[in-house]
């Protein structure tokens, strides 16, 4: 019984550690999304309100468990309602901007911007050291 209790306590502590690491990493990734959306002015709409809404809707999901471990998804969530009444998800707009699309009004193909790949590369370089530091601090605290 004592072994089960200690194992359970360790699992709870590890869950807290992983959640703390994911929270810190996801905040960095979220900031990179916001920077990229602003810097490239990717969402060209008649008003800045839509762009601001997309930026403010970049969020991370709750930590989820899969066969590889814990993870969280960070992307533009929510939707906007256009003047025509049509709903467009922010994630779909990001997808079109990343891979390119055919603009019917302009009659031409808008080339891909590959901005999601850029976000992921920059965010990985920034988030991994922060998450590693959290883990190392935890390991140092239990070994002292």
C-alpha atoms as a PDB file:
ATOM      1  CA  UNK A   1       0.000   0.000   0.000  1.00  0.00           C
ATOM      2  CA  UNK A   2       2.842   2.371   0.824  1.00  0.00           C
ATOM      3  CA  UNK A   3       4.460   1.755  -2.588  1.00  0.00           C
ATOM      4  CA  UNK A   4       1.157   2.535  -4.339  1.00  0.00           C
ATOM      5  CA  UNK A   5       0.743   5.702  -2.295  1.00  0.00           C
ATOM      6  CA  UNK A   6       4.285   6.922  -3.088  1.00  0.00           C
ATOM      7  CA  UNK A   7       3.833   6.013  -6.766  1.00  0.00           C
ATOM      8  CA  UNK A   8       0.531   7.917  -6.875  1.00  0.00           C
ATOM      9  CA  UNK A   9       2.117  10.973  -5.207  1.00  0.00           C
ATOM     10  CA  UNK A  10       4.985  10.852  -7.709  1.00  0.00           C
ATOM     11  CA  UNK A  11       2.524  10.641 -10.593  1.00  0.00           C
ATOM     12  CA  UNK A  12       0.631  13.688  -9.303  1.00  0.00           C
ATOM     13  CA  UNK A  13       3.901  15.598  -8.986  1.00  0.00           C
ATOM     14  CA  UNK A  14       4.937  14.582 -12.514  1.00  0.00           C
ATOM     15  CA  UNK A  15       1.545  15.689 -13.880  1.00  0.00           C
ATOM     16  CA  UNK A  16       2.080  19.093 -12.270  1.00  0.00           C
ATOM     17  CA  UNK A  17       5.590  19.285 -13.709  1.00  0.00           C
ATOM     18  CA  UNK A  18       4.434  18.368 -17.217  1.00  0.00           C
ATOM     19  CA  UNK A  19       1.550  20.834 -17.031  1.00  0.00           C
ATOM     20  CA  UNK A  20       3.937  23.584 -15.902  1.00  0.00           C
ATOM     21  CA  UNK A  21       6.321  22.770 -18.762  1.00  0.00           C
ATOM     22  CA  UNK A  22       3.478  22.711 -21.304  1.00  0.00           C
ATOM     23  CA  UNK A  23       2.072  25.984 -20.002  1.00  0.00           C
ATOM     24  CA  UNK A  24       5.446  27.739 -20.298  1.00  0.00           C
ATOM     25  CA  UNK A  25       6.111  26.294 -23.756  1.00  0.00           C
ATOM     26  CA  UNK A  26       2.638  27.020 -25.076  1.00  0.00           C
ATOM     27  CA  UNK A  27       2.872  30.654 -23.977  1.00  0.00           C
ATOM     28  CA  UNK A  28       6.040  31.044 -26.042  1.00  0.00           C
ATOM     29  CA  UNK A  29       4.422  29.380 -29.067  1.00  0.00           C
ATOM     30  CA  UNK A  30       1.351  31.591 -28.674  1.00  0.00           C
ATOM     31  CA  UNK A  31       3.561  34.700 -28.639  1.00  0.00           C
ATOM     32  CA  UNK A  32       5.273  33.529 -31.839  1.00  0.00           C
ATOM     33  CA  UNK A  33       1.879  33.092 -33.538  1.00  0.00           C
ATOM     34  CA  UNK A  34       0.905  36.631 -32.547  1.00  0.00           C
ATOM     35  CA  UNK A  35       4.238  38.093 -33.735  1.00  0.00           C
ATOM     36  CA  UNK A  36       3.974  36.332 -37.089  1.00  0.00           C
ATOM     37  CA  UNK A  37       0.363  37.366 -37.700  1.00  0.00           C
ATOM     38  CA  UNK A  38       1.256  40.987 -36.897  1.00  0.00           C
ATOM     39  CA  UNK A  39       4.560  41.107 -38.777  1.00  0.00           C
ATOM     40  CA  UNK A  40       3.231  39.695 -42.025  1.00  0.00           C
ATOM     41  CA  UNK A  41      -0.192  41.322 -41.808  1.00  0.00           C
ATOM     42  CA  UNK A  42      -1.466  37.973 -43.012  1.00  0.00           C
ATOM     43  CA  UNK A  43      -5.149  38.515 -42.627  1.00  0.00           C
ATOM     44  CA  UNK A  44      -6.050  41.282 -45.022  1.00  0.00           C
ATOM     45  CA  UNK A  45      -9.592  42.375 -44.219  1.00  0.00           C
ATOM     46  CA  UNK A  46     -11.349  45.732 -44.422  1.00  0.00           C
ATOM     47  CA  UNK A  47     -10.929  46.327 -40.686  1.00  0.00           C
ATOM     48  CA  UNK A  48      -8.321  45.743 -38.039  1.00  0.00           C
ATOM     49  CA  UNK A  49     -10.997  44.272 -35.771  1.00  0.00           C
ATOM     50  CA  UNK A  50     -10.805  40.923 -37.558  1.00  0.00           C
ATOM     51  CA  UNK A  51      -7.024  40.788 -37.373  1.00  0.00           C
ATOM     52  CA  UNK A  52      -7.152  41.656 -33.680  1.00  0.00           C
ATOM     53  CA  UNK A  53      -9.746  38.950 -33.105  1.00  0.00           C
ATOM     54  CA  UNK A  54      -7.562  36.368 -34.783  1.00  0.00           C
ATOM     55  CA  UNK A  55      -4.601  37.450 -32.694  1.00  0.00           C
ATOM     56  CA  UNK A  56      -6.582  37.420 -29.470  1.00  0.00           C
ATOM     57  CA  UNK A  57      -7.970  33.979 -30.326  1.00  0.00           C
ATOM     58  CA  UNK A  58      -4.587  32.271 -30.596  1.00  0.00           C
ATOM     59  CA  UNK A  59      -4.800  29.877 -27.674  1.00  0.00           C
ATOM     60  CA  UNK A  60      -3.671  26.495 -26.488  1.00  0.00           C
ATOM     61  CA  UNK A  61      -5.873  23.540 -25.804  1.00  0.00           C
ATOM     62  CA  UNK A  62      -5.921  21.794 -22.466  1.00  0.00           C
ATOM     63  CA  UNK A  63      -3.123  19.268 -22.061  1.00  0.00           C
ATOM     64  CA  UNK A  64      -4.145  15.941 -23.586  1.00  0.00           C
ATOM     65  CA  UNK A  65      -2.712  12.482 -23.243  1.00  0.00           C
ATOM     66  CA  UNK A  66      -1.922  10.283 -26.220  1.00  0.00           C
ATOM     67  CA  UNK A  67       0.295   7.253 -26.729  1.00  0.00           C
ATOM     68  CA  UNK A  68       3.412   9.461 -26.932  1.00  0.00           C
ATOM     69  CA  UNK A  69       2.734  11.471 -23.766  1.00  0.00           C
ATOM     70  CA  UNK A  70       1.134  14.800 -22.950  1.00  0.00           C
ATOM     71  CA  UNK A  71       0.616  17.528 -25.530  1.00  0.00           C
ATOM     72  CA  UNK A  72      -1.251  20.712 -26.188  1.00  0.00           C
ATOM     73  CA  UNK A  73      -2.296  22.337 -29.476  1.00  0.00           C
ATOM     74  CA  UNK A  74      -1.671  26.037 -30.080  1.00  0.00           C
ATOM     75  CA  UNK A  75      -3.413  27.691 -33.025  1.00  0.00           C
ATOM     76  CA  UNK A  76      -5.881  30.488 -33.902  1.00  0.00           C
ATOM     77  CA  UNK A  77      -9.233  29.356 -32.542  1.00  0.00           C
ATOM     78  CA  UNK A  78     -12.687  30.817 -32.936  1.00  0.00           C
ATOM     79  CA  UNK A  79     -14.288  32.295 -36.016  1.00  0.00           C
ATOM     80  CA  UNK A  80     -15.347  35.535 -37.588  1.00  0.00           C
ATOM     81  CA  UNK A  81     -18.669  36.321 -39.177  1.00  0.00           C
ATOM     82  CA  UNK A  82     -18.264  38.104 -42.473  1.00  0.00           C
ATOM     83  CA  UNK A  83     -20.633  40.804 -43.755  1.00  0.00           C
ATOM     84  CA  UNK A  84     -22.340  38.149 -45.861  1.00  0.00           C
ATOM     85  CA  UNK A  85     -23.122  36.213 -42.683  1.00  0.00           C
ATOM     86  CA  UNK A  86     -20.704  33.432 -43.580  1.00  0.00           C
ATOM     87  CA  UNK A  87     -18.671  32.063 -40.678  1.00  0.00           C
ATOM     88  CA  UNK A  88     -14.957  31.522 -41.277  1.00  0.00           C
ATOM     89  CA  UNK A  89     -12.772  29.767 -38.741  1.00  0.00           C
ATOM     90  CA  UNK A  90      -9.493  31.497 -37.870  1.00  0.00           C
ATOM     91  CA  UNK A  91      -7.675  28.163 -38.205  1.00  0.00           C
ATOM     92  CA  UNK A  92      -8.988  27.841 -41.778  1.00  0.00           C
ATOM     93  CA  UNK A  93      -7.717  31.329 -42.636  1.00  0.00           C
ATOM     94  CA  UNK A  94      -4.313  30.397 -41.239  1.00  0.00           C
ATOM     95  CA  UNK A  95      -4.374  27.174 -43.316  1.00  0.00           C
ATOM     96  CA  UNK A  96      -5.129  29.084 -46.522  1.00  0.00           C
ATOM     97  CA  UNK A  97      -2.402  31.625 -45.831  1.00  0.00           C
ATOM     98  CA  UNK A  98       0.111  28.883 -45.061  1.00  0.00           C
ATOM     99  CA  UNK A  99      -0.583  26.693 -48.118  1.00  0.00           C
ATOM    100  CA  UNK A 100      -1.842  29.300 -50.569  1.00  0.00           C
ATOM    101  CA  UNK A 101      -5.255  29.620 -52.191  1.00  0.00           C
ATOM    102  CA  UNK A 102      -7.073  30.843 -55.258  1.00  0.00           C
ATOM    103  CA  UNK A 103      -8.572  34.294 -54.733  1.00  0.00           C
ATOM    104  CA  UNK A 104     -11.767  34.369 -56.766  1.00  0.00           C
ATOM    105  CA  UNK A 105     -12.176  38.157 -56.605  1.00  0.00           C
ATOM    106  CA  UNK A 106      -8.625  38.830 -57.804  1.00  0.00           C
ATOM    107  CA  UNK A 107      -8.707  35.896 -60.207  1.00  0.00           C
ATOM    108  CA  UNK A 108      -5.284  34.662 -59.206  1.00  0.00           C
ATOM    109  CA  UNK A 109      -3.520  32.190 -56.983  1.00  0.00           C
ATOM    110  CA  UNK A 110      -2.169  33.632 -53.733  1.00  0.00           C
ATOM    111  CA  UNK A 111       1.141  31.845 -53.104  1.00  0.00           C
ATOM    112  CA  UNK A 112       1.818  30.002 -49.855  1.00  0.00           C
ATOM    113  CA  UNK A 113       3.529  31.920 -47.073  1.00  0.00           C
ATOM    114  CA  UNK A 114       4.625  28.875 -45.023  1.00  0.00           C
ATOM    115  CA  UNK A 115       4.287  30.986 -41.913  1.00  0.00           C
ATOM    116  CA  UNK A 116       3.224  28.093 -39.654  1.00  0.00           C
ATOM    117  CA  UNK A 117       6.512  26.336 -40.365  1.00  0.00           C
ATOM    118  CA  UNK A 118       8.387  29.533 -39.491  1.00  0.00           C
ATOM    119  CA  UNK A 119       6.414  29.866 -36.258  1.00  0.00           C
ATOM    120  CA  UNK A 120       7.131  26.269 -35.283  1.00  0.00           C
ATOM    121  CA  UNK A 121      10.868  26.564 -35.967  1.00  0.00           C
ATOM    122  CA  UNK A 122      11.262  29.816 -34.014  1.00  0.00           C
ATOM    123  CA  UNK A 123       9.026  28.671 -31.179  1.00  0.00           C
ATOM    124  CA  UNK A 124      10.893  25.385 -30.826  1.00  0.00           C
ATOM    125  CA  UNK A 125      14.215  27.210 -30.493  1.00  0.00           C
ATOM    126  CA  UNK A 126      12.711  29.419 -27.777  1.00  0.00           C
ATOM    127  CA  UNK A 127      10.395  27.010 -25.932  1.00  0.00           C
ATOM    128  CA  UNK A 128      12.608  23.942 -25.564  1.00  0.00           C
ATOM    129  CA  UNK A 129      15.270  25.680 -23.425  1.00  0.00           C
ATOM    130  CA  UNK A 130      12.581  27.165 -21.152  1.00  0.00           C
ATOM    131  CA  UNK A 131      10.861  23.807 -20.741  1.00  0.00           C
ATOM    132  CA  UNK A 132      14.218  22.092 -20.184  1.00  0.00           C
ATOM    133  CA  UNK A 133      15.099  24.611 -17.476  1.00  0.00           C
ATOM    134  CA  UNK A 134      11.842  23.883 -15.657  1.00  0.00           C
ATOM    135  CA  UNK A 135      12.634  20.172 -15.775  1.00  0.00           C
ATOM    136  CA  UNK A 136      16.242  20.682 -14.643  1.00  0.00           C
ATOM    137  CA  UNK A 137      15.119  22.914 -11.758  1.00  0.00           C
ATOM    138  CA  UNK A 138      12.703  20.192 -10.690  1.00  0.00           C
ATOM    139  CA  UNK A 139      15.401  17.517 -10.884  1.00  0.00           C
ATOM    140  CA  UNK A 140      17.807  19.698  -8.891  1.00  0.00           C
ATOM    141  CA  UNK A 141      15.146  20.306  -6.233  1.00  0.00           C
ATOM    142  CA  UNK A 142      14.516  16.587  -5.644  1.00  0.00           C
ATOM    143  CA  UNK A 143      18.184  15.607  -5.612  1.00  0.00           C
ATOM    144  CA  UNK A 144      19.165  18.098  -2.903  1.00  0.00           C
END
